[in-house]
Amino acid sequence: MRARVRASGWDQCIVVNDQRIVLGRLGRKALADDDLRSVEEAMSPGPSTVRPNVRLAELQQRLERQGLRSALVTTNDGRLIGVVRRDAAAALS
């Protein structure tokens, strides 16, 4: 799995179940490790998410304030809609 994520060019992997409910996130550190842990063991469970009705300017401020490079967008029940990268959001403003 780590090799697949690295080959994709992404520096994180969002872990979802069959219904696309967000379970966790594998960040740069977890992906850089070459240990034998499972995804479930290596992921950070319950990552912070935002809803699709959050204004882009508000999301940009939040990402900058918290020093984050991206935000997960989910429905109220935790279903993944997408990932907003801070640099892409800034380009849209």
N, C-alpha and C. Protein backbone atom coordinates (compact mmCIF):
# COMPACT_ATOMS: atom_id res chain seq x y z
N MET A 1 0.81 -1.17 0.00
CA MET A 1 0.00 0.00 0.00
C MET A 1 0.87 1.25 0.00
N ARG A 2 1.92 1.26 0.81
CA ARG A 2 2.80 2.44 0.86
C ARG A 2 3.39 2.73 -0.52
N ALA A 3 3.80 1.70 -1.22
CA ALA A 3 4.39 1.89 -2.55
C ALA A 3 3.36 2.49 -3.50
N ARG A 4 2.12 2.07 -3.41
CA ARG A 4 1.06 2.60 -4.28
C ARG A 4 0.83 4.08 -4.01
N VAL A 5 0.81 4.47 -2.74
CA VAL A 5 0.60 5.87 -2.39
C VAL A 5 1.78 6.71 -2.86
N ARG A 6 2.99 6.24 -2.61
CA ARG A 6 4.19 6.96 -3.06
C ARG A 6 4.17 7.14 -4.57
N ALA A 7 3.81 6.09 -5.29
CA ALA A 7 3.80 6.14 -6.76
C ALA A 7 2.74 7.12 -7.27
N SER A 8 1.70 7.36 -6.49
CA SER A 8 0.64 8.27 -6.91
C SER A 8 1.06 9.73 -6.80
N GLY A 9 2.13 10.00 -6.05
CA GLY A 9 2.58 11.38 -5.86
C GLY A 9 1.96 12.06 -4.65
N TRP A 10 1.05 11.39 -3.97
CA TRP A 10 0.43 11.96 -2.77
C TRP A 10 1.30 11.68 -1.56
N ASP A 11 1.20 12.55 -0.54
CA ASP A 11 1.97 12.35 0.68
C ASP A 11 1.09 11.92 1.84
N GLN A 12 -0.13 11.49 1.53
CA GLN A 12 -1.03 10.98 2.53
C GLN A 12 -2.01 10.00 1.89
N CYS A 13 -2.66 9.22 2.73
CA CYS A 13 -3.65 8.27 2.25
C CYS A 13 -4.83 8.32 3.21
N ILE A 14 -6.01 8.56 2.67
CA ILE A 14 -7.21 8.59 3.48
C ILE A 14 -7.78 7.17 3.51
N VAL A 15 -8.02 6.68 4.71
CA VAL A 15 -8.52 5.31 4.89
C VAL A 15 -10.03 5.38 5.06
N VAL A 16 -10.75 4.67 4.19
CA VAL A 16 -12.22 4.64 4.25
C VAL A 16 -12.69 3.19 4.26
N ASN A 17 -13.95 3.00 4.69
CA ASN A 17 -14.53 1.67 4.63
C ASN A 17 -15.29 1.50 3.31
N ASP A 18 -16.03 0.42 3.17
CA ASP A 18 -16.74 0.15 1.91
C ASP A 18 -17.80 1.20 1.58
N GLN A 19 -18.29 1.92 2.58
CA GLN A 19 -19.28 2.97 2.36
C GLN A 19 -18.63 4.35 2.22
N ARG A 20 -17.31 4.40 2.12
CA ARG A 20 -16.52 5.63 1.99
C ARG A 20 -16.55 6.50 3.25
N ILE A 21 -16.84 5.87 4.41
CA ILE A 21 -16.78 6.58 5.68
C ILE A 21 -15.31 6.68 6.09
N VAL A 22 -14.88 7.89 6.43
CA VAL A 22 -13.48 8.11 6.79
C VAL A 22 -13.18 7.44 8.12
N LEU A 23 -12.18 6.58 8.11
CA LEU A 23 -11.74 5.88 9.31
C LEU A 23 -10.46 6.48 9.87
N GLY A 24 -9.59 6.95 8.98
CA GLY A 24 -8.31 7.48 9.43
C GLY A 24 -7.50 8.04 8.29
N ARG A 25 -6.28 8.43 8.65
CA ARG A 25 -5.37 9.02 7.66
C ARG A 25 -3.98 8.47 7.90
N LEU A 26 -3.31 8.12 6.81
CA LEU A 26 -1.89 7.78 6.87
C LEU A 26 -1.14 9.00 6.38
N GLY A 27 -0.40 9.63 7.28
CA GLY A 27 0.36 10.82 6.93
C GLY A 27 1.75 10.49 6.41
N ARG A 28 2.52 11.54 6.22
CA ARG A 28 3.88 11.39 5.67
C ARG A 28 4.74 10.45 6.50
N LYS A 29 4.67 10.59 7.81
CA LYS A 29 5.51 9.74 8.68
C LYS A 29 5.12 8.27 8.55
N ALA A 30 3.84 7.98 8.59
CA ALA A 30 3.40 6.59 8.48
C ALA A 30 3.76 6.00 7.13
N LEU A 31 3.70 6.83 6.09
CA LEU A 31 4.03 6.34 4.75
C LEU A 31 5.54 6.17 4.56
N ALA A 32 6.32 6.95 5.30
CA ALA A 32 7.78 6.85 5.17
C ALA A 32 8.33 5.63 5.89
N ASP A 33 7.63 5.18 6.92
CA ASP A 33 8.07 4.00 7.66
C ASP A 33 7.98 2.76 6.77
N ASP A 34 8.92 1.89 6.92
CA ASP A 34 8.89 0.63 6.17
C ASP A 34 8.67 -0.55 7.11
N ASP A 35 7.88 -0.30 8.16
CA ASP A 35 7.62 -1.38 9.10
C ASP A 35 6.52 -2.30 8.54
N LEU A 36 6.19 -3.29 9.29
CA LEU A 36 5.22 -4.29 8.83
C LEU A 36 3.84 -4.10 9.44
N ARG A 37 3.59 -2.92 10.01
CA ARG A 37 2.28 -2.67 10.60
C ARG A 37 1.20 -2.66 9.52
N SER A 38 0.00 -3.04 9.90
CA SER A 38 -1.13 -2.96 8.98
C SER A 38 -1.55 -1.49 8.84
N VAL A 39 -2.38 -1.22 7.86
CA VAL A 39 -2.92 0.13 7.68
C VAL A 39 -3.66 0.55 8.94
N GLU A 40 -4.46 -0.34 9.47
CA GLU A 40 -5.23 -0.02 10.67
C GLU A 40 -4.32 0.36 11.83
N GLU A 41 -3.19 -0.33 11.98
CA GLU A 41 -2.26 -0.02 13.06
C GLU A 41 -1.49 1.28 12.82
N ALA A 42 -1.20 1.59 11.56
CA ALA A 42 -0.36 2.73 11.22
C ALA A 42 -1.13 4.04 11.09
N MET A 43 -2.44 3.97 10.83
CA MET A 43 -3.20 5.19 10.57
C MET A 43 -3.47 5.97 11.85
N SER A 44 -3.70 7.27 11.67
CA SER A 44 -4.20 8.11 12.75
C SER A 44 -5.72 8.09 12.63
N PRO A 45 -6.41 7.54 13.62
CA PRO A 45 -7.86 7.41 13.50
C PRO A 45 -8.59 8.74 13.68
N GLY A 46 -9.77 8.82 13.07
CA GLY A 46 -10.67 9.96 13.28
C GLY A 46 -10.09 11.31 12.94
N PRO A 47 -9.57 11.51 11.72
CA PRO A 47 -9.01 12.81 11.38
C PRO A 47 -10.08 13.90 11.34
N SER A 48 -9.66 15.12 11.54
CA SER A 48 -10.56 16.26 11.48
C SER A 48 -11.10 16.41 10.06
N THR A 49 -12.36 16.80 9.96
CA THR A 49 -13.00 16.99 8.65
C THR A 49 -13.79 18.29 8.64
N VAL A 50 -14.18 18.72 7.45
CA VAL A 50 -15.06 19.88 7.28
C VAL A 50 -16.23 19.47 6.41
N ARG A 51 -17.30 20.21 6.50
CA ARG A 51 -18.48 19.95 5.68
C ARG A 51 -18.40 20.78 4.39
N PRO A 52 -19.11 20.36 3.36
CA PRO A 52 -19.04 21.06 2.08
C PRO A 52 -19.63 22.47 2.10
N ASN A 53 -20.38 22.83 3.15
CA ASN A 53 -20.95 24.17 3.20
C ASN A 53 -20.01 25.21 3.80
N VAL A 54 -18.82 24.81 4.24
CA VAL A 54 -17.85 25.75 4.78
C VAL A 54 -17.33 26.62 3.63
N ARG A 55 -17.33 27.92 3.85
CA ARG A 55 -16.85 28.85 2.82
C ARG A 55 -15.35 28.66 2.58
N LEU A 56 -14.94 28.79 1.32
CA LEU A 56 -13.55 28.56 0.94
C LEU A 56 -12.61 29.49 1.71
N ALA A 57 -12.96 30.76 1.84
CA ALA A 57 -12.09 31.71 2.56
C ALA A 57 -11.92 31.28 4.02
N GLU A 58 -12.99 30.82 4.63
CA GLU A 58 -12.93 30.34 6.02
C GLU A 58 -12.03 29.11 6.13
N LEU A 59 -12.16 28.20 5.16
CA LEU A 59 -11.33 27.00 5.17
C LEU A 59 -9.86 27.35 4.98
N GLN A 60 -9.56 28.27 4.07
CA GLN A 60 -8.17 28.70 3.87
C GLN A 60 -7.58 29.26 5.16
N GLN A 61 -8.33 30.10 5.84
CA GLN A 61 -7.85 30.69 7.10
C GLN A 61 -7.58 29.60 8.13
N ARG A 62 -8.48 28.65 8.21
CA ARG A 62 -8.32 27.54 9.16
C ARG A 62 -7.06 26.73 8.85
N LEU A 63 -6.86 26.41 7.58
CA LEU A 63 -5.69 25.64 7.18
C LEU A 63 -4.41 26.39 7.50
N GLU A 64 -4.38 27.69 7.19
CA GLU A 64 -3.19 28.50 7.47
C GLU A 64 -2.94 28.61 8.97
N ARG A 65 -4.00 28.89 9.73
CA ARG A 65 -3.88 29.05 11.19
C ARG A 65 -3.36 27.78 11.86
N GLN A 66 -3.81 26.63 11.37
CA GLN A 66 -3.42 25.35 11.97
C GLN A 66 -2.18 24.74 11.32
N GLY A 67 -1.65 25.40 10.30
CA GLY A 67 -0.46 24.89 9.62
C GLY A 67 -0.70 23.61 8.85
N LEU A 68 -1.93 23.45 8.36
CA LEU A 68 -2.28 22.23 7.61
C LEU A 68 -2.17 22.47 6.12
N ARG A 69 -1.86 21.41 5.40
CA ARG A 69 -1.74 21.50 3.94
C ARG A 69 -3.01 21.07 3.22
N SER A 70 -3.92 20.41 3.93
CA SER A 70 -5.15 19.95 3.29
C SER A 70 -6.24 19.72 4.32
N ALA A 71 -7.47 19.59 3.82
CA ALA A 71 -8.62 19.30 4.68
C ALA A 71 -9.48 18.25 3.99
N LEU A 72 -10.02 17.35 4.80
CA LEU A 72 -10.94 16.35 4.29
C LEU A 72 -12.35 16.91 4.32
N VAL A 73 -13.06 16.75 3.22
CA VAL A 73 -14.45 17.21 3.15
C VAL A 73 -15.33 15.96 3.20
N THR A 74 -16.26 15.96 4.18
CA THR A 74 -17.13 14.81 4.36
C THR A 74 -18.58 15.26 4.56
N THR A 75 -19.48 14.31 4.39
CA THR A 75 -20.88 14.55 4.71
C THR A 75 -21.05 14.47 6.22
N ASN A 76 -22.25 14.77 6.70
CA ASN A 76 -22.52 14.70 8.15
C ASN A 76 -22.26 13.33 8.73
N ASP A 77 -22.47 12.28 7.92
CA ASP A 77 -22.25 10.92 8.43
C ASP A 77 -20.83 10.42 8.19
N GLY A 78 -19.91 11.32 7.77
CA GLY A 78 -18.50 10.96 7.64
C GLY A 78 -18.09 10.39 6.30
N ARG A 79 -18.98 10.43 5.30
CA ARG A 79 -18.66 9.90 3.97
C ARG A 79 -17.74 10.89 3.25
N LEU A 80 -16.62 10.38 2.74
CA LEU A 80 -15.63 11.23 2.06
C LEU A 80 -16.18 11.81 0.77
N ILE A 81 -16.08 13.12 0.64
CA ILE A 81 -16.43 13.80 -0.60
C ILE A 81 -15.16 14.12 -1.37
N GLY A 82 -14.14 14.59 -0.65
CA GLY A 82 -12.89 14.93 -1.31
C GLY A 82 -11.88 15.53 -0.36
N VAL A 83 -10.77 15.96 -0.93
CA VAL A 83 -9.68 16.60 -0.20
C VAL A 83 -9.42 17.95 -0.82
N VAL A 84 -9.37 18.99 0.00
CA VAL A 84 -9.04 20.33 -0.48
C VAL A 84 -7.62 20.65 -0.03
N ARG A 85 -6.77 20.89 -1.00
CA ARG A 85 -5.39 21.28 -0.68
C ARG A 85 -5.32 22.80 -0.51
N ARG A 86 -4.54 23.23 0.46
CA ARG A 86 -4.42 24.67 0.74
C ARG A 86 -3.92 25.44 -0.46
N ASP A 87 -2.93 24.91 -1.17
CA ASP A 87 -2.40 25.62 -2.34
C ASP A 87 -3.42 25.71 -3.46
N ALA A 88 -4.22 24.68 -3.64
CA ALA A 88 -5.27 24.72 -4.68
C ALA A 88 -6.37 25.68 -4.29
N ALA A 89 -6.72 25.72 -3.02
CA ALA A 89 -7.75 26.66 -2.55
C ALA A 89 -7.29 28.10 -2.74
N ALA A 90 -6.02 28.35 -2.46
CA ALA A 90 -5.48 29.71 -2.64
C ALA A 90 -5.51 30.13 -4.10
N ALA A 91 -5.28 29.20 -5.00
CA ALA A 91 -5.29 29.50 -6.43
C ALA A 91 -6.69 29.86 -6.93
N LEU A 92 -7.72 29.37 -6.24
CA LEU A 92 -9.10 29.66 -6.63
C LEU A 92 -9.59 31.00 -6.13
N SER A 93 -8.90 31.56 -5.14
CA SER A 93 -9.35 32.83 -4.55
C SER A 93 -9.00 34.01 -5.42
